[in-house]
Amino acid sequence: MKAIVHEGKPGMNGLSLRDMEEIQPSAGEVRVKLKTAGMNHRDLFVLHRHKPADPPLIVGSDGAGIVDAVGEGVTNVEVGDEVIINPGLGWEKNSDAPPPGFEIVGLPFHGTFAEYIVVPAENAVLKPKFLIWEEAGVLSLAALTAYRALFTRGKVTPQTTLLLPGVGSGVITFILQFAKAVGATVYVTSRSEEKRRQAIALGADKAIDSNDDWNEALEGEKVDLVIESVGAATFNKSIAQLHPGGTIVTFGASAGDEIKLDLRNFFYGQFNLLGSTMGSAEEFQEMLHFIEKHRIKPVIDQIFPLSKYEEAFQRLEDAEQFGKIGFLID
């Protein structure tokens, strides 16, 4: 089978489109003939976490397709079912944090940028019928991350005023859509005028140039909740926009992992800092019910054939996208 594989060299230099051997599902597993797959920033990190001396790895965490083989004991799906992949492995029930042994499809196990994938049967979930293949294939990781960050951790309500620095990523565009679906007020920031325009079209109440004075742009208004994925470049500006007792939820650090924090300002402000990553299988089902209820579809930036993987990875690396980048496999 054709697959986008990382091996031998760090970063994008280790990527190639090559043949990999098809495998059969064991007991409790299913094989899915993938039709579409979706990219995430995690795919860029994997290219460095997966070492040159490691065995070849099929990259990718998101995908959708048709079950074409099932292992012994599988009852939740059958051959011919249209499914999406829940990329979270080993996190079944809602909990404060992932259990020991939690992993994500695409490292250390083979991922979705291929013609086929074998996963535990519980990770093949029936595809929402209102989504076309391109939408279903880019949904899971970003939408699940967004759902947990916004609802489980952020406790958003219709009365919440929310700030989203760095709009444009798949997760942040989902958070914007989810928050507006429940009636929250949402402000976003971006250096890109085009991304700010797209965010307003998607429902944002205000879009701020990231280089501007945020306090001035918001006319002194403070917010209840900030969901941070940028990191060092914006973190302290985000804190400055919180009202006393406000909350920051962070799930990413695309502009740097380490920050300098004024602790006195932080504890005088009675602020809350919460981490979040991915979500449980229960939250995955909750997320699917939510998007079906509100008829929310992923914002798609571009869809590439597997053969254009270099262009797709470069677009993600350059942060040019607004919404999700995907692959059409079938």
C-alpha atoms as a PDB file:
ATOM      1  CA  MET A   1       0.000   0.000   0.000  1.00  0.00           C
ATOM      2  CA  LYS A   2       1.086   3.603  -0.600  1.00  0.00           C
ATOM      3  CA  ALA A   3       1.932   5.617   2.511  1.00  0.00           C
ATOM      4  CA  ILE A   4       3.700   8.791   3.628  1.00  0.00           C
ATOM      5  CA  VAL A   5       6.566   7.437   5.698  1.00  0.00           C
ATOM      6  CA  HIS A   6       9.176   9.046   7.941  1.00  0.00           C
ATOM      7  CA  GLU A   7      12.541   7.317   8.221  1.00  0.00           C
ATOM      8  CA  GLY A   8      16.279   7.864   8.253  1.00  0.00           C
ATOM      9  CA  LYS A   9      16.504  11.655   8.615  1.00  0.00           C
ATOM     10  CA  PRO A  10      15.055  14.183  11.066  1.00  0.00           C
ATOM     11  CA  GLY A  11      12.325  16.581  10.000  1.00  0.00           C
ATOM     12  CA  MET A  12      10.760  16.788   6.574  1.00  0.00           C
ATOM     13  CA  ASN A  13      13.932  15.456   4.942  1.00  0.00           C
ATOM     14  CA  GLY A  14      12.941  12.033   6.271  1.00  0.00           C
ATOM     15  CA  LEU A  15       9.558  11.966   4.512  1.00  0.00           C
ATOM     16  CA  SER A  16       8.779   9.930   1.422  1.00  0.00           C
ATOM     17  CA  LEU A  17       5.815   8.404  -0.365  1.00  0.00           C
ATOM     18  CA  ARG A  18       6.599   4.699  -0.574  1.00  0.00           C
ATOM     19  CA  ASP A  19       5.123   1.216  -0.476  1.00  0.00           C
ATOM     20  CA  MET A  20       4.466  -0.393   2.899  1.00  0.00           C
ATOM     21  CA  GLU A  21       3.181  -3.893   3.525  1.00  0.00           C
ATOM     22  CA  GLU A  22      -0.536  -4.240   4.223  1.00  0.00           C
ATOM     23  CA  ILE A  23      -1.378  -5.869   7.550  1.00  0.00           C
ATOM     24  CA  GLN A  24      -4.383  -7.858   8.715  1.00  0.00           C
ATOM     25  CA  PRO A  25      -6.391  -7.026  11.856  1.00  0.00           C
ATOM     26  CA  SER A  26      -5.859  -9.202  14.916  1.00  0.00           C
ATOM     27  CA  ALA A  27      -8.548 -10.013  17.492  1.00  0.00           C
ATOM     28  CA  GLY A  28     -10.347  -6.849  18.560  1.00  0.00           C
ATOM     29  CA  GLU A  29      -8.996  -4.812  15.632  1.00  0.00           C
ATOM     30  CA  VAL A  30     -10.357  -3.539  12.320  1.00  0.00           C
ATOM     31  CA  ARG A  31      -8.741  -2.514   9.072  1.00  0.00           C
ATOM     32  CA  VAL A  32      -9.999   0.654   7.419  1.00  0.00           C
ATOM     33  CA  LYS A  33      -9.527   1.486   3.746  1.00  0.00           C
ATOM     34  CA  LEU A  34      -8.882   5.183   4.129  1.00  0.00           C
ATOM     35  CA  LYS A  35     -10.510   7.682   1.791  1.00  0.00           C
ATOM     36  CA  THR A  36      -9.281  10.910   3.390  1.00  0.00           C
ATOM     37  CA  ALA A  37      -6.864  11.998   6.112  1.00  0.00           C
ATOM     38  CA  GLY A  38      -6.161  15.223   7.972  1.00  0.00           C
ATOM     39  CA  MET A  39      -3.026  17.046   9.073  1.00  0.00           C
ATOM     40  CA  ASN A  40      -2.277  18.441  12.536  1.00  0.00           C
ATOM     41  CA  HIS A  41       0.650  20.352  14.032  1.00  0.00           C
ATOM     42  CA  ARG A  42       1.443  17.092  15.807  1.00  0.00           C
ATOM     43  CA  ASP A  43       2.540  15.701  12.442  1.00  0.00           C
ATOM     44  CA  LEU A  44       5.352  18.276  12.368  1.00  0.00           C
ATOM     45  CA  PHE A  45       6.470  17.420  15.911  1.00  0.00           C
ATOM     46  CA  VAL A  46       6.454  13.694  15.079  1.00  0.00           C
ATOM     47  CA  LEU A  47       9.105  14.298  12.400  1.00  0.00           C
ATOM     48  CA  HIS A  48      11.528  15.177  15.195  1.00  0.00           C
ATOM     49  CA  ARG A  49      10.284  12.853  17.937  1.00  0.00           C
ATOM     50  CA  HIS A  50      10.587   9.897  15.563  1.00  0.00           C
ATOM     51  CA  LYS A  51      14.341   9.326  15.456  1.00  0.00           C
ATOM     52  CA  PRO A  52      16.369   8.460  12.318  1.00  0.00           C
ATOM     53  CA  ALA A  53      17.373   5.108  13.837  1.00  0.00           C
ATOM     54  CA  ASP A  54      13.745   4.113  14.529  1.00  0.00           C
ATOM     55  CA  PRO A  55      11.864   1.776  12.149  1.00  0.00           C
ATOM     56  CA  PRO A  56       9.919   3.451   9.299  1.00  0.00           C
ATOM     57  CA  LEU A  57       6.745   5.143  10.558  1.00  0.00           C
ATOM     58  CA  ILE A  58       3.548   6.005   8.675  1.00  0.00           C
ATOM     59  CA  VAL A  59       2.673   9.535   9.799  1.00  0.00           C
ATOM     60  CA  GLY A  60      -0.795  10.985  10.481  1.00  0.00           C
ATOM     61  CA  SER A  61      -3.450  10.925  13.202  1.00  0.00           C
ATOM     62  CA  ASP A  62      -6.746  11.797  11.458  1.00  0.00           C
ATOM     63  CA  GLY A  63      -8.577   9.768   8.861  1.00  0.00           C
ATOM     64  CA  ALA A  64     -11.872   8.388   7.599  1.00  0.00           C
ATOM     65  CA  GLY A  65     -12.774   5.464   5.394  1.00  0.00           C
ATOM     66  CA  ILE A  66     -14.583   2.155   5.037  1.00  0.00           C
ATOM     67  CA  VAL A  67     -14.047  -0.922   7.211  1.00  0.00           C
ATOM     68  CA  ASP A  68     -12.762  -3.668   4.922  1.00  0.00           C
ATOM     69  CA  ALA A  69     -11.685  -6.349   7.430  1.00  0.00           C
ATOM     70  CA  VAL A  70     -12.470  -7.143  11.065  1.00  0.00           C
ATOM     71  CA  GLY A  71     -10.665  -9.275  13.608  1.00  0.00           C
ATOM     72  CA  GLU A  72     -12.138 -11.884  15.910  1.00  0.00           C
ATOM     73  CA  GLY A  73     -14.587 -10.605  18.511  1.00  0.00           C
ATOM     74  CA  VAL A  74     -15.394  -7.256  16.852  1.00  0.00           C
ATOM     75  CA  THR A  75     -19.066  -6.328  17.224  1.00  0.00           C
ATOM     76  CA  ASN A  76     -19.269  -2.503  17.124  1.00  0.00           C
ATOM     77  CA  VAL A  77     -18.617  -2.212  13.372  1.00  0.00           C
ATOM     78  CA  GLU A  78     -18.695  -4.522  10.363  1.00  0.00           C
ATOM     79  CA  VAL A  79     -17.228  -4.677   6.890  1.00  0.00           C
ATOM     80  CA  GLY A  80     -18.658  -1.882   4.742  1.00  0.00           C
ATOM     81  CA  ASP A  81     -19.270   0.575   7.581  1.00  0.00           C
ATOM     82  CA  GLU A  82     -18.198   4.177   6.983  1.00  0.00           C
ATOM     83  CA  VAL A  83     -16.065   5.263   9.929  1.00  0.00           C
ATOM     84  CA  ILE A  84     -13.788   7.976  11.271  1.00  0.00           C
ATOM     85  CA  ILE A  85     -10.683   7.247  13.334  1.00  0.00           C
ATOM     86  CA  ASN A  86     -10.573   8.350  16.967  1.00  0.00           C
ATOM     87  CA  PRO A  87      -6.795   8.846  17.237  1.00  0.00           C
ATOM     88  CA  GLY A  88      -6.681   8.567  21.045  1.00  0.00           C
ATOM     89  CA  LEU A  89      -5.581   5.082  22.123  1.00  0.00           C
ATOM     90  CA  GLY A  90      -6.321   3.830  25.626  1.00  0.00           C
ATOM     91  CA  TRP A  91      -8.355   6.716  27.103  1.00  0.00           C
ATOM     92  CA  GLU A  92     -11.901   5.438  27.406  1.00  0.00           C
ATOM     93  CA  LYS A  93     -13.610   7.250  30.294  1.00  0.00           C
ATOM     94  CA  ASN A  94     -13.683  10.936  31.185  1.00  0.00           C
ATOM     95  CA  SER A  95     -10.936  11.714  33.684  1.00  0.00           C
ATOM     96  CA  ASP A  96      -8.793  14.591  34.917  1.00  0.00           C
ATOM     97  CA  ALA A  97      -5.878  13.400  32.778  1.00  0.00           C
ATOM     98  CA  PRO A  98      -5.081  10.599  30.335  1.00  0.00           C
ATOM     99  CA  PRO A  99      -4.389   7.212  31.959  1.00  0.00           C
ATOM    100  CA  PRO A 100      -0.935   5.615  31.873  1.00  0.00           C
ATOM    101  CA  GLY A 101      -0.221   4.145  28.473  1.00  0.00           C
ATOM    102  CA  PHE A 102      -2.292   6.676  26.533  1.00  0.00           C
ATOM    103  CA  GLU A 103      -0.988   7.088  22.982  1.00  0.00           C
ATOM    104  CA  ILE A 104      -2.044   8.815  19.771  1.00  0.00           C
ATOM    105  CA  VAL A 105      -2.253   7.238  16.322  1.00  0.00           C
ATOM    106  CA  GLY A 106       0.753   8.225  14.213  1.00  0.00           C
ATOM    107  CA  LEU A 107       3.485   7.716  16.846  1.00  0.00           C
ATOM    108  CA  PRO A 108       4.516   5.266  18.165  1.00  0.00           C
ATOM    109  CA  PHE A 109       2.076   3.280  16.003  1.00  0.00           C
ATOM    110  CA  HIS A 110       1.495   3.661  12.256  1.00  0.00           C
ATOM    111  CA  GLY A 111      -0.818   6.499  11.251  1.00  0.00           C
ATOM    112  CA  THR A 112      -3.385   7.550   8.696  1.00  0.00           C
ATOM    113  CA  PHE A 113      -1.435   8.931   5.739  1.00  0.00           C
ATOM    114  CA  ALA A 114      -1.817   5.643   3.897  1.00  0.00           C
ATOM    115  CA  GLU A 115      -4.283   3.582   1.917  1.00  0.00           C
ATOM    116  CA  TYR A 116      -5.081   1.374   4.935  1.00  0.00           C
ATOM    117  CA  ILE A 117      -4.792   1.463   8.719  1.00  0.00           C
ATOM    118  CA  VAL A 118      -5.402  -1.139  11.434  1.00  0.00           C
ATOM    119  CA  VAL A 119      -6.753   0.187  14.749  1.00  0.00           C
ATOM    120  CA  PRO A 120      -8.537  -1.182  17.823  1.00  0.00           C
ATOM    121  CA  ALA A 121     -12.195  -1.669  16.933  1.00  0.00           C
ATOM    122  CA  GLU A 122     -13.344   0.927  19.477  1.00  0.00           C
ATOM    123  CA  ASN A 123     -11.299   3.563  17.626  1.00  0.00           C
ATOM    124  CA  ALA A 124     -13.321   3.105  14.434  1.00  0.00           C
ATOM    125  CA  VAL A 125     -16.423   5.220  15.022  1.00  0.00           C
ATOM    126  CA  LEU A 126     -19.381   5.489  12.647  1.00  0.00           C
ATOM    127  CA  LYS A 127     -19.012   8.579  10.456  1.00  0.00           C
ATOM    128  CA  PRO A 128     -21.591  11.348  10.952  1.00  0.00           C
ATOM    129  CA  LYS A 129     -23.758  11.127   7.858  1.00  0.00           C
ATOM    130  CA  PHE A 130     -23.901  14.886   7.282  1.00  0.00           C
ATOM    131  CA  LEU A 131     -20.131  15.102   6.749  1.00  0.00           C
ATOM    132  CA  ILE A 132     -18.592  14.445   3.348  1.00  0.00           C
ATOM    133  CA  TRP A 133     -15.393  12.377   3.258  1.00  0.00           C
ATOM    134  CA  GLU A 134     -13.076  15.380   3.125  1.00  0.00           C
ATOM    135  CA  GLU A 135     -14.707  16.817   6.253  1.00  0.00           C
ATOM    136  CA  ALA A 136     -14.788  13.523   8.145  1.00  0.00           C
ATOM    137  CA  GLY A 137     -11.128  12.849   7.451  1.00  0.00           C
ATOM    138  CA  VAL A 138      -9.881  16.081   9.042  1.00  0.00           C
ATOM    139  CA  LEU A 139     -12.175  16.127  12.063  1.00  0.00           C
ATOM    140  CA  SER A 140     -11.081  13.988  14.948  1.00  0.00           C
ATOM    141  CA  LEU A 141      -7.923  15.195  16.680  1.00  0.00           C
ATOM    142  CA  ALA A 142      -8.576  18.921  16.369  1.00  0.00           C
ATOM    143  CA  ALA A 143     -12.287  18.739  17.181  1.00  0.00           C
ATOM    144  CA  LEU A 144     -11.699  16.507  20.215  1.00  0.00           C
ATOM    145  CA  THR A 145      -8.904  18.777  21.484  1.00  0.00           C
ATOM    146  CA  ALA A 146     -11.168  21.788  20.988  1.00  0.00           C
ATOM    147  CA  TYR A 147     -14.116  20.158  22.754  1.00  0.00           C
ATOM    148  CA  ARG A 148     -12.176  19.212  25.890  1.00  0.00           C
ATOM    149  CA  ALA A 149     -10.334  22.542  26.088  1.00  0.00           C
ATOM    150  CA  LEU A 150     -13.529  24.560  25.707  1.00  0.00           C
ATOM    151  CA  PHE A 151     -16.130  22.542  27.612  1.00  0.00           C
ATOM    152  CA  THR A 152     -14.429  20.076  29.984  1.00  0.00           C
ATOM    153  CA  ARG A 153     -11.588  22.390  31.014  1.00  0.00           C
ATOM    154  CA  GLY A 154     -12.816  25.888  30.086  1.00  0.00           C
ATOM    155  CA  LYS A 155     -16.419  25.391  31.281  1.00  0.00           C
ATOM    156  CA  VAL A 156     -17.683  27.758  28.598  1.00  0.00           C
ATOM    157  CA  THR A 157     -21.266  29.064  28.888  1.00  0.00           C
ATOM    158  CA  PRO A 158     -23.366  31.435  26.775  1.00  0.00           C
ATOM    159  CA  GLN A 159     -22.272  34.203  29.167  1.00  0.00           C
ATOM    160  CA  THR A 160     -18.536  33.564  28.669  1.00  0.00           C
ATOM    161  CA  THR A 161     -16.311  36.110  26.954  1.00  0.00           C
ATOM    162  CA  LEU A 162     -13.486  34.209  25.282  1.00  0.00           C
ATOM    163  CA  LEU A 163     -10.165  35.257  23.698  1.00  0.00           C
ATOM    164  CA  LEU A 164      -8.439  33.038  21.113  1.00  0.00           C
ATOM    165  CA  PRO A 165      -4.897  34.139  20.219  1.00  0.00           C
ATOM    166  CA  GLY A 166      -3.553  32.978  16.863  1.00  0.00           C
ATOM    167  CA  VAL A 167      -6.706  32.085  14.978  1.00  0.00           C
ATOM    168  CA  GLY A 168      -6.243  29.888  11.918  1.00  0.00           C
ATOM    169  CA  SER A 169      -5.280  26.455  13.236  1.00  0.00           C
ATOM    170  CA  GLY A 170      -7.723  23.580  13.048  1.00  0.00           C
ATOM    171  CA  VAL A 171      -8.266  23.470  16.822  1.00  0.00           C
ATOM    172  CA  ILE A 172      -8.811  27.205  17.185  1.00  0.00           C
ATOM    173  CA  THR A 173     -11.274  27.339  14.289  1.00  0.00           C
ATOM    174  CA  PHE A 174     -13.237  24.504  15.936  1.00  0.00           C
ATOM    175  CA  ILE A 175     -13.189  26.340  19.280  1.00  0.00           C
ATOM    176  CA  LEU A 176     -14.510  29.461  17.565  1.00  0.00           C
ATOM    177  CA  GLN A 177     -17.330  27.475  15.945  1.00  0.00           C
ATOM    178  CA  PHE A 178     -18.172  25.545  19.129  1.00  0.00           C
ATOM    179  CA  ALA A 179     -18.174  28.659  21.320  1.00  0.00           C
ATOM    180  CA  LYS A 180     -20.437  30.578  18.949  1.00  0.00           C
ATOM    181  CA  ALA A 181     -22.779  27.581  18.756  1.00  0.00           C
ATOM    182  CA  VAL A 182     -23.469  27.948  22.499  1.00  0.00           C
ATOM    183  CA  GLY A 183     -23.737  31.752  22.313  1.00  0.00           C
ATOM    184  CA  ALA A 184     -20.425  32.841  23.858  1.00  0.00           C
ATOM    185  CA  THR A 185     -18.693  36.085  22.876  1.00  0.00           C
ATOM    186  CA  VAL A 186     -15.451  35.353  21.038  1.00  0.00           C
ATOM    187  CA  TYR A 187     -12.499  37.617  20.267  1.00  0.00           C
ATOM    188  CA  VAL A 188      -9.581  36.393  18.168  1.00  0.00           C
ATOM    189  CA  THR A 189      -6.123  37.621  17.227  1.00  0.00           C
ATOM    190  CA  SER A 190      -3.937  37.089  14.158  1.00  0.00           C
ATOM    191  CA  ARG A 191      -1.097  38.851  12.387  1.00  0.00           C
ATOM    192  CA  SER A 192      -2.853  38.056   9.103  1.00  0.00           C
ATOM    193  CA  GLU A 193      -5.512  40.444   7.862  1.00  0.00           C
ATOM    194  CA  GLU A 194      -6.976  37.643   5.723  1.00  0.00           C
ATOM    195  CA  LYS A 195      -7.264  35.286   8.711  1.00  0.00           C
ATOM    196  CA  ARG A 196      -8.922  38.027  10.754  1.00  0.00           C
ATOM    197  CA  ARG A 197     -11.421  38.531   7.941  1.00  0.00           C
ATOM    198  CA  GLN A 198     -12.106  34.791   7.747  1.00  0.00           C
ATOM    199  CA  ALA A 199     -12.588  34.608  11.525  1.00  0.00           C
ATOM    200  CA  ILE A 200     -15.191  37.370  11.415  1.00  0.00           C
ATOM    201  CA  ALA A 201     -16.984  35.525   8.614  1.00  0.00           C
ATOM    202  CA  LEU A 202     -16.958  32.402  10.813  1.00  0.00           C
ATOM    203  CA  GLY A 203     -18.645  34.277  13.663  1.00  0.00           C
ATOM    204  CA  ALA A 204     -15.925  35.992  15.715  1.00  0.00           C
ATOM    205  CA  ASP A 205     -17.210  39.114  17.456  1.00  0.00           C
ATOM    206  CA  LYS A 206     -13.914  40.949  17.041  1.00  0.00           C
ATOM    207  CA  ALA A 207     -10.589  40.182  15.328  1.00  0.00           C
ATOM    208  CA  ILE A 208      -7.457  41.931  16.580  1.00  0.00           C
ATOM    209  CA  ASP A 209      -4.084  42.361  14.900  1.00  0.00           C
ATOM    210  CA  SER A 210      -1.698  40.347  17.102  1.00  0.00           C
ATOM    211  CA  ASN A 211       0.865  43.147  16.866  1.00  0.00           C
ATOM    212  CA  ASP A 212      -1.553  45.776  18.221  1.00  0.00           C
ATOM    213  CA  ASP A 213      -2.178  46.671  21.870  1.00  0.00           C
ATOM    214  CA  TRP A 214      -4.844  44.094  22.790  1.00  0.00           C
ATOM    215  CA  ASN A 215      -6.144  46.102  25.744  1.00  0.00           C
ATOM    216  CA  GLU A 216      -6.592  49.132  23.528  1.00  0.00           C
ATOM    217  CA  ALA A 217      -8.232  47.068  20.791  1.00  0.00           C
ATOM    218  CA  LEU A 218     -10.716  45.686  23.347  1.00  0.00           C
ATOM    219  CA  GLU A 219     -11.243  49.176  24.807  1.00  0.00           C
ATOM    220  CA  GLY A 220     -10.168  48.002  28.243  1.00  0.00           C
ATOM    221  CA  GLU A 221     -12.592  45.058  28.346  1.00  0.00           C
ATOM    222  CA  LYS A 222     -11.295  41.974  30.165  1.00  0.00           C
ATOM    223  CA  VAL A 223     -12.294  38.417  29.285  1.00  0.00           C
ATOM    224  CA  ASP A 224     -13.388  35.377  31.297  1.00  0.00           C
ATOM    225  CA  LEU A 225     -11.397  32.762  29.408  1.00  0.00           C
ATOM    226  CA  VAL A 226      -8.368  32.578  27.136  1.00  0.00           C
ATOM    227  CA  ILE A 227      -7.550  29.393  25.241  1.00  0.00           C
ATOM    228  CA  GLU A 228      -3.847  29.496  24.434  1.00  0.00           C
ATOM    229  CA  SER A 229      -1.999  27.488  21.807  1.00  0.00           C
ATOM    230  CA  VAL A 230       0.688  29.971  20.752  1.00  0.00           C
ATOM    231  CA  GLY A 231       2.839  29.920  23.878  1.00  0.00           C
ATOM    232  CA  ALA A 232       5.723  32.230  24.656  1.00  0.00           C
ATOM    233  CA  ALA A 233       4.877  34.853  22.024  1.00  0.00           C
ATOM    234  CA  THR A 234       1.424  35.652  23.441  1.00  0.00           C
ATOM    235  CA  PHE A 235       1.099  34.091  26.893  1.00  0.00           C
ATOM    236  CA  ASN A 236       1.666  37.195  29.010  1.00  0.00           C
ATOM    237  CA  LYS A 237      -0.461  39.328  26.702  1.00  0.00           C
ATOM    238  CA  SER A 238      -3.205  36.742  27.227  1.00  0.00           C
ATOM    239  CA  ILE A 239      -2.914  36.951  31.022  1.00  0.00           C
ATOM    240  CA  ALA A 240      -3.142  40.746  30.786  1.00  0.00           C
ATOM    241  CA  GLN A 241      -6.567  40.431  29.134  1.00  0.00           C
ATOM    242  CA  LEU A 242      -8.082  38.284  31.914  1.00  0.00           C
ATOM    243  CA  HIS A 243     -10.375  39.781  34.503  1.00  0.00           C
ATOM    244  CA  PRO A 244      -9.554  38.847  38.125  1.00  0.00           C
ATOM    245  CA  GLY A 245     -10.359  35.183  38.657  1.00  0.00           C
ATOM    246  CA  GLY A 246     -10.222  34.454  34.926  1.00  0.00           C
ATOM    247  CA  THR A 247      -8.911  31.227  33.374  1.00  0.00           C
ATOM    248  CA  ILE A 248      -6.314  30.294  30.782  1.00  0.00           C
ATOM    249  CA  VAL A 249      -6.539  26.860  29.168  1.00  0.00           C
ATOM    250  CA  THR A 250      -3.437  25.893  27.225  1.00  0.00           C
ATOM    251  CA  PHE A 251      -3.141  22.967  24.824  1.00  0.00           C
ATOM    252  CA  GLY A 252      -0.199  24.012  22.642  1.00  0.00           C
ATOM    253  CA  ALA A 253       2.964  26.069  22.366  1.00  0.00           C
ATOM    254  CA  SER A 254       3.675  26.625  18.687  1.00  0.00           C
ATOM    255  CA  ALA A 255       5.816  29.715  19.410  1.00  0.00           C
ATOM    256  CA  GLY A 256       7.839  28.352  22.310  1.00  0.00           C
ATOM    257  CA  ASP A 257       7.412  26.068  25.318  1.00  0.00           C
ATOM    258  CA  GLU A 258       8.995  28.243  28.009  1.00  0.00           C
ATOM    259  CA  ILE A 259       7.478  31.435  29.386  1.00  0.00           C
ATOM    260  CA  LYS A 260       8.479  34.033  31.992  1.00  0.00           C
ATOM    261  CA  LEU A 261       5.633  34.448  34.475  1.00  0.00           C
ATOM    262  CA  ASP A 262       5.121  37.205  37.037  1.00  0.00           C
ATOM    263  CA  LEU A 263       3.868  35.042  39.911  1.00  0.00           C
ATOM    264  CA  ARG A 264       2.856  37.975  42.118  1.00  0.00           C
ATOM    265  CA  ASN A 265       0.679  39.398  39.359  1.00  0.00           C
ATOM    266  CA  PHE A 266      -0.703  35.907  38.780  1.00  0.00           C
ATOM    267  CA  PHE A 267      -1.746  35.159  42.346  1.00  0.00           C
ATOM    268  CA  TYR A 268      -3.000  38.690  43.015  1.00  0.00           C
ATOM    269  CA  GLY A 269      -5.182  38.258  39.934  1.00  0.00           C
ATOM    270  CA  GLN A 270      -6.553  34.961  41.293  1.00  0.00           C
ATOM    271  CA  PHE A 271      -6.026  33.491  37.827  1.00  0.00           C
ATOM    272  CA  ASN A 272      -6.481  29.827  36.898  1.00  0.00           C
ATOM    273  CA  LEU A 273      -4.086  28.001  34.573  1.00  0.00           C
ATOM    274  CA  LEU A 274      -5.270  24.670  33.152  1.00  0.00           C
ATOM    275  CA  GLY A 275      -3.569  22.277  30.770  1.00  0.00           C
ATOM    276  CA  SER A 276      -5.477  20.220  28.232  1.00  0.00           C
ATOM    277  CA  THR A 277      -4.657  17.666  25.558  1.00  0.00           C
ATOM    278  CA  MET A 278      -6.838  15.533  23.292  1.00  0.00           C
ATOM    279  CA  GLY A 279      -9.720  13.845  25.193  1.00  0.00           C
ATOM    280  CA  SER A 280     -11.359  10.591  26.149  1.00  0.00           C
ATOM    281  CA  ALA A 281     -13.510   8.291  24.017  1.00  0.00           C
ATOM    282  CA  GLU A 282     -16.513   9.531  25.994  1.00  0.00           C
ATOM    283  CA  GLU A 283     -15.651  13.127  25.104  1.00  0.00           C
ATOM    284  CA  PHE A 284     -15.187  12.027  21.498  1.00  0.00           C
ATOM    285  CA  GLN A 285     -18.790  10.784  21.440  1.00  0.00           C
ATOM    286  CA  GLU A 286     -19.972  13.972  23.165  1.00  0.00           C
ATOM    287  CA  MET A 287     -18.157  16.019  20.532  1.00  0.00           C
ATOM    288  CA  LEU A 288     -19.790  14.065  17.696  1.00  0.00           C
ATOM    289  CA  HIS A 289     -23.231  14.576  19.221  1.00  0.00           C
ATOM    290  CA  PHE A 290     -22.480  18.301  19.584  1.00  0.00           C
ATOM    291  CA  ILE A 291     -21.438  18.806  15.963  1.00  0.00           C
ATOM    292  CA  GLU A 292     -24.417  16.783  14.737  1.00  0.00           C
ATOM    293  CA  LYS A 293     -26.814  18.836  16.866  1.00  0.00           C
ATOM    294  CA  HIS A 294     -25.361  22.130  15.643  1.00  0.00           C
ATOM    295  CA  ARG A 295     -24.451  20.904  12.129  1.00  0.00           C
ATOM    296  CA  ILE A 296     -20.860  22.090  12.533  1.00  0.00           C
ATOM    297  CA  LYS A 297     -18.461  21.205   9.738  1.00  0.00           C
ATOM    298  CA  PRO A 298     -14.682  21.528   9.699  1.00  0.00           C
ATOM    299  CA  VAL A 299     -13.250  24.586   7.987  1.00  0.00           C
ATOM    300  CA  ILE A 300     -11.118  23.131   5.193  1.00  0.00           C
ATOM    301  CA  ASP A 301      -8.110  25.052   3.942  1.00  0.00           C
ATOM    302  CA  GLN A 302      -6.825  22.730   1.207  1.00  0.00           C
ATOM    303  CA  ILE A 303      -7.020  19.063   0.232  1.00  0.00           C
ATOM    304  CA  PHE A 304      -3.962  17.481  -1.426  1.00  0.00           C
ATOM    305  CA  PRO A 305      -3.320  14.101  -3.060  1.00  0.00           C
ATOM    306  CA  LEU A 306      -0.759  12.002  -1.182  1.00  0.00           C
ATOM    307  CA  SER A 307       1.727  12.730  -3.959  1.00  0.00           C
ATOM    308  CA  LYS A 308       1.718  16.421  -2.951  1.00  0.00           C
ATOM    309  CA  TYR A 309       2.745  15.667   0.629  1.00  0.00           C
ATOM    310  CA  GLU A 310       5.753  18.011   0.515  1.00  0.00           C
ATOM    311  CA  GLU A 311       3.559  20.967  -0.403  1.00  0.00           C
ATOM    312  CA  ALA A 312       1.040  20.051   2.307  1.00  0.00           C
ATOM    313  CA  PHE A 313       3.666  19.736   5.045  1.00  0.00           C
ATOM    314  CA  GLN A 314       5.292  23.015   3.996  1.00  0.00           C
ATOM    315  CA  ARG A 315       1.956  24.839   4.122  1.00  0.00           C
ATOM    316  CA  LEU A 316       1.421  23.561   7.664  1.00  0.00           C
ATOM    317  CA  GLU A 317       5.003  24.414   8.651  1.00  0.00           C
ATOM    318  CA  ASP A 318       4.566  27.979   7.355  1.00  0.00           C
ATOM    319  CA  ALA A 319       1.223  28.362   9.224  1.00  0.00           C
ATOM    320  CA  GLU A 320      -0.428  29.596   6.033  1.00  0.00           C
ATOM    321  CA  GLN A 321      -3.641  27.662   6.560  1.00  0.00           C
ATOM    322  CA  PHE A 322      -7.004  28.761   7.913  1.00  0.00           C
ATOM    323  CA  GLY A 323      -8.669  25.585   9.111  1.00  0.00           C
ATOM    324  CA  LYS A 324      -7.677  22.062   8.178  1.00  0.00           C
ATOM    325  CA  ILE A 325      -5.291  20.665   5.569  1.00  0.00           C
ATOM    326  CA  GLY A 326      -6.132  17.189   4.323  1.00  0.00           C
ATOM    327  CA  PHE A 327      -5.233  14.380   1.930  1.00  0.00           C
ATOM    328  CA  LEU A 328      -7.525  12.692  -0.584  1.00  0.00           C
ATOM    329  CA  ILE A 329      -6.460   9.057  -0.634  1.00  0.00           C
ATOM    330  CA  ASP A 330      -9.168   7.341  -2.670  1.00  0.00           C
END
